[in-house]
N, C-alpha and C. Protein backbone atom coordinates (compact mmCIF):
# COMPACT_ATOMS: atom_id res chain seq x y z
N MET A 1 -64.05 -27.76 -164.28
CA MET A 1 -64.46 -27.51 -162.91
C MET A 1 -65.97 -27.43 -162.83
N LYS A 2 -66.48 -27.90 -161.72
CA LYS A 2 -67.93 -27.84 -161.51
C LYS A 2 -68.31 -26.49 -160.92
N LYS A 3 -69.47 -26.03 -161.30
CA LYS A 3 -69.96 -24.77 -160.74
C LYS A 3 -70.57 -25.01 -159.37
N ALA A 4 -70.49 -24.00 -158.53
CA ALA A 4 -71.08 -24.12 -157.20
C ALA A 4 -72.60 -24.22 -157.31
N LYS A 5 -73.19 -24.97 -156.42
CA LYS A 5 -74.64 -25.12 -156.44
C LYS A 5 -75.31 -23.82 -156.02
N ALA A 6 -76.43 -23.54 -156.62
CA ALA A 6 -77.20 -22.34 -156.27
C ALA A 6 -77.84 -22.53 -154.90
N ALA A 7 -78.08 -21.43 -154.23
CA ALA A 7 -78.71 -21.50 -152.91
C ALA A 7 -80.11 -22.11 -153.04
N LYS A 8 -80.45 -22.93 -152.09
CA LYS A 8 -81.73 -23.62 -152.14
C LYS A 8 -82.84 -22.69 -151.63
N MET A 9 -83.84 -22.50 -152.46
CA MET A 9 -84.98 -21.68 -152.06
C MET A 9 -85.97 -22.56 -151.31
N THR A 10 -86.39 -22.12 -150.15
CA THR A 10 -87.29 -22.93 -149.35
C THR A 10 -88.73 -22.43 -149.37
N GLY A 11 -88.96 -21.21 -149.82
CA GLY A 11 -90.33 -20.71 -149.83
C GLY A 11 -90.43 -19.37 -150.52
N LYS A 12 -91.64 -18.86 -150.56
CA LYS A 12 -91.87 -17.57 -151.18
C LYS A 12 -91.95 -16.49 -150.11
N ARG A 13 -91.76 -15.26 -150.54
CA ARG A 13 -91.85 -14.15 -149.60
C ARG A 13 -93.29 -13.94 -149.18
N ARG A 14 -93.45 -13.55 -147.91
CA ARG A 14 -94.77 -13.18 -147.41
C ARG A 14 -94.67 -11.79 -146.83
N GLU A 15 -95.65 -10.97 -147.14
CA GLU A 15 -95.68 -9.62 -146.60
C GLU A 15 -95.96 -9.68 -145.11
N TRP A 16 -95.49 -8.67 -144.39
CA TRP A 16 -95.76 -8.56 -142.96
C TRP A 16 -97.08 -7.82 -142.78
N THR A 17 -98.06 -8.47 -142.16
CA THR A 17 -99.34 -7.82 -141.89
C THR A 17 -99.26 -7.09 -140.55
N LYS A 18 -100.26 -6.27 -140.27
CA LYS A 18 -100.30 -5.57 -138.99
C LYS A 18 -100.37 -6.57 -137.85
N ALA A 19 -101.10 -7.65 -138.05
CA ALA A 19 -101.21 -8.70 -137.02
C ALA A 19 -99.86 -9.36 -136.78
N ASP A 20 -99.09 -9.59 -137.85
CA ASP A 20 -97.75 -10.18 -137.72
C ASP A 20 -96.83 -9.27 -136.90
N LEU A 21 -96.90 -7.98 -137.19
CA LEU A 21 -96.06 -7.02 -136.48
C LEU A 21 -96.44 -6.94 -135.00
N LYS A 22 -97.74 -6.96 -134.71
CA LYS A 22 -98.19 -6.92 -133.32
C LYS A 22 -97.71 -8.17 -132.58
N GLU A 23 -97.81 -9.31 -133.23
CA GLU A 23 -97.37 -10.57 -132.62
C GLU A 23 -95.87 -10.53 -132.33
N LEU A 24 -95.09 -9.99 -133.27
CA LEU A 24 -93.64 -9.88 -133.09
C LEU A 24 -93.32 -8.97 -131.91
N LYS A 25 -94.02 -7.85 -131.80
CA LYS A 25 -93.79 -6.92 -130.70
C LYS A 25 -94.18 -7.54 -129.36
N ASP A 26 -95.27 -8.30 -129.35
CA ASP A 26 -95.70 -8.98 -128.12
C ASP A 26 -94.66 -10.01 -127.67
N HIS A 27 -94.12 -10.75 -128.62
CA HIS A 27 -93.08 -11.73 -128.29
C HIS A 27 -91.82 -11.03 -127.80
N SER A 28 -91.54 -9.87 -128.35
CA SER A 28 -90.37 -9.10 -127.92
C SER A 28 -90.51 -8.69 -126.46
N LYS A 29 -91.69 -8.21 -126.09
CA LYS A 29 -91.93 -7.80 -124.71
C LYS A 29 -91.88 -8.99 -123.76
N ALA A 30 -92.36 -10.14 -124.23
CA ALA A 30 -92.38 -11.35 -123.41
C ALA A 30 -91.03 -12.05 -123.38
N ARG A 31 -90.08 -11.57 -124.19
CA ARG A 31 -88.74 -12.16 -124.30
C ARG A 31 -88.77 -13.63 -124.70
N THR A 32 -89.65 -13.94 -125.63
CA THR A 32 -89.75 -15.30 -126.17
C THR A 32 -88.50 -15.61 -126.99
N PRO A 33 -87.92 -16.81 -126.85
CA PRO A 33 -86.75 -17.17 -127.66
C PRO A 33 -87.06 -17.10 -129.16
N VAL A 34 -86.09 -16.65 -129.93
CA VAL A 34 -86.28 -16.43 -131.36
C VAL A 34 -86.65 -17.72 -132.09
N VAL A 35 -86.06 -18.83 -131.68
CA VAL A 35 -86.34 -20.11 -132.34
C VAL A 35 -87.82 -20.47 -132.16
N LYS A 36 -88.35 -20.20 -130.99
CA LYS A 36 -89.76 -20.50 -130.72
C LYS A 36 -90.67 -19.59 -131.56
N ILE A 37 -90.32 -18.31 -131.66
CA ILE A 37 -91.09 -17.38 -132.49
C ILE A 37 -91.07 -17.84 -133.94
N SER A 38 -89.90 -18.30 -134.38
CA SER A 38 -89.72 -18.77 -135.76
C SER A 38 -90.67 -19.92 -136.07
N LYS A 39 -90.80 -20.85 -135.16
CA LYS A 39 -91.68 -21.99 -135.37
C LYS A 39 -93.15 -21.58 -135.35
N LEU A 40 -93.49 -20.64 -134.46
CA LEU A 40 -94.88 -20.19 -134.35
C LEU A 40 -95.33 -19.39 -135.57
N THR A 41 -94.44 -18.54 -136.07
CA THR A 41 -94.80 -17.66 -137.18
C THR A 41 -94.47 -18.24 -138.55
N LYS A 42 -93.73 -19.35 -138.57
CA LYS A 42 -93.28 -19.99 -139.81
C LYS A 42 -92.45 -19.03 -140.66
N ARG A 43 -91.57 -18.29 -139.99
CA ARG A 43 -90.61 -17.41 -140.65
C ARG A 43 -89.23 -17.77 -140.14
N SER A 44 -88.22 -17.47 -140.94
CA SER A 44 -86.86 -17.82 -140.53
C SER A 44 -86.38 -16.90 -139.41
N VAL A 45 -85.39 -17.38 -138.67
CA VAL A 45 -84.80 -16.59 -137.59
C VAL A 45 -84.20 -15.31 -138.16
N GLY A 46 -83.57 -15.41 -139.31
CA GLY A 46 -82.97 -14.24 -139.96
C GLY A 46 -84.01 -13.21 -140.34
N ALA A 47 -85.15 -13.67 -140.86
CA ALA A 47 -86.22 -12.74 -141.24
C ALA A 47 -86.77 -12.02 -140.02
N LEU A 48 -86.92 -12.76 -138.92
CA LEU A 48 -87.42 -12.15 -137.68
C LEU A 48 -86.44 -11.11 -137.13
N ARG A 49 -85.16 -11.46 -137.14
CA ARG A 49 -84.15 -10.54 -136.63
C ARG A 49 -84.06 -9.28 -137.49
N GLN A 50 -84.15 -9.43 -138.80
CA GLN A 50 -84.09 -8.27 -139.69
C GLN A 50 -85.28 -7.35 -139.47
N LYS A 51 -86.46 -7.92 -139.32
CA LYS A 51 -87.65 -7.12 -139.11
C LYS A 51 -87.59 -6.42 -137.75
N ALA A 52 -87.13 -7.11 -136.74
CA ALA A 52 -86.99 -6.51 -135.41
C ALA A 52 -85.99 -5.37 -135.43
N LEU A 53 -84.90 -5.55 -136.15
CA LEU A 53 -83.89 -4.49 -136.29
C LEU A 53 -84.49 -3.28 -136.98
N HIS A 54 -85.27 -3.51 -138.03
CA HIS A 54 -85.92 -2.43 -138.76
C HIS A 54 -86.92 -1.68 -137.88
N LEU A 55 -87.61 -2.43 -136.99
CA LEU A 55 -88.61 -1.82 -136.10
C LEU A 55 -87.97 -1.20 -134.86
N GLY A 56 -86.71 -1.55 -134.61
CA GLY A 56 -86.01 -1.01 -133.44
C GLY A 56 -86.40 -1.70 -132.15
N ILE A 57 -86.77 -2.98 -132.24
CA ILE A 57 -87.10 -3.75 -131.04
C ILE A 57 -86.10 -4.89 -130.87
N GLY A 58 -85.98 -5.40 -129.68
CA GLY A 58 -85.09 -6.51 -129.41
C GLY A 58 -85.84 -7.83 -129.46
N LEU A 59 -85.11 -8.89 -129.75
CA LEU A 59 -85.71 -10.23 -129.75
C LEU A 59 -84.90 -11.16 -128.88
N GLY A 60 -85.59 -12.15 -128.31
CA GLY A 60 -84.94 -13.15 -127.50
C GLY A 60 -84.59 -12.65 -126.12
N HIS A 61 -83.73 -13.37 -125.44
CA HIS A 61 -83.33 -12.99 -124.09
C HIS A 61 -82.30 -11.88 -124.10
N ARG A 62 -82.21 -11.21 -123.01
CA ARG A 62 -81.21 -10.15 -122.87
C ARG A 62 -80.28 -10.52 -121.74
N ARG A 63 -79.00 -10.43 -121.98
CA ARG A 63 -78.02 -10.80 -120.94
C ARG A 63 -77.66 -9.63 -120.08
């Protein structure tokens, strides 16, 4: 039997700077879509959502 392929690594970890956190909070207040924030910050949607959850802020639109 063949072994399952390992998950593909796409990049290295980057620390969150104070400027990154401020930008994330500003996007949260502006209700910018998460996909757009992801492209602007060059971070994955999952990373953005996890950080927002940790900070206790919402991301994207609210229904």
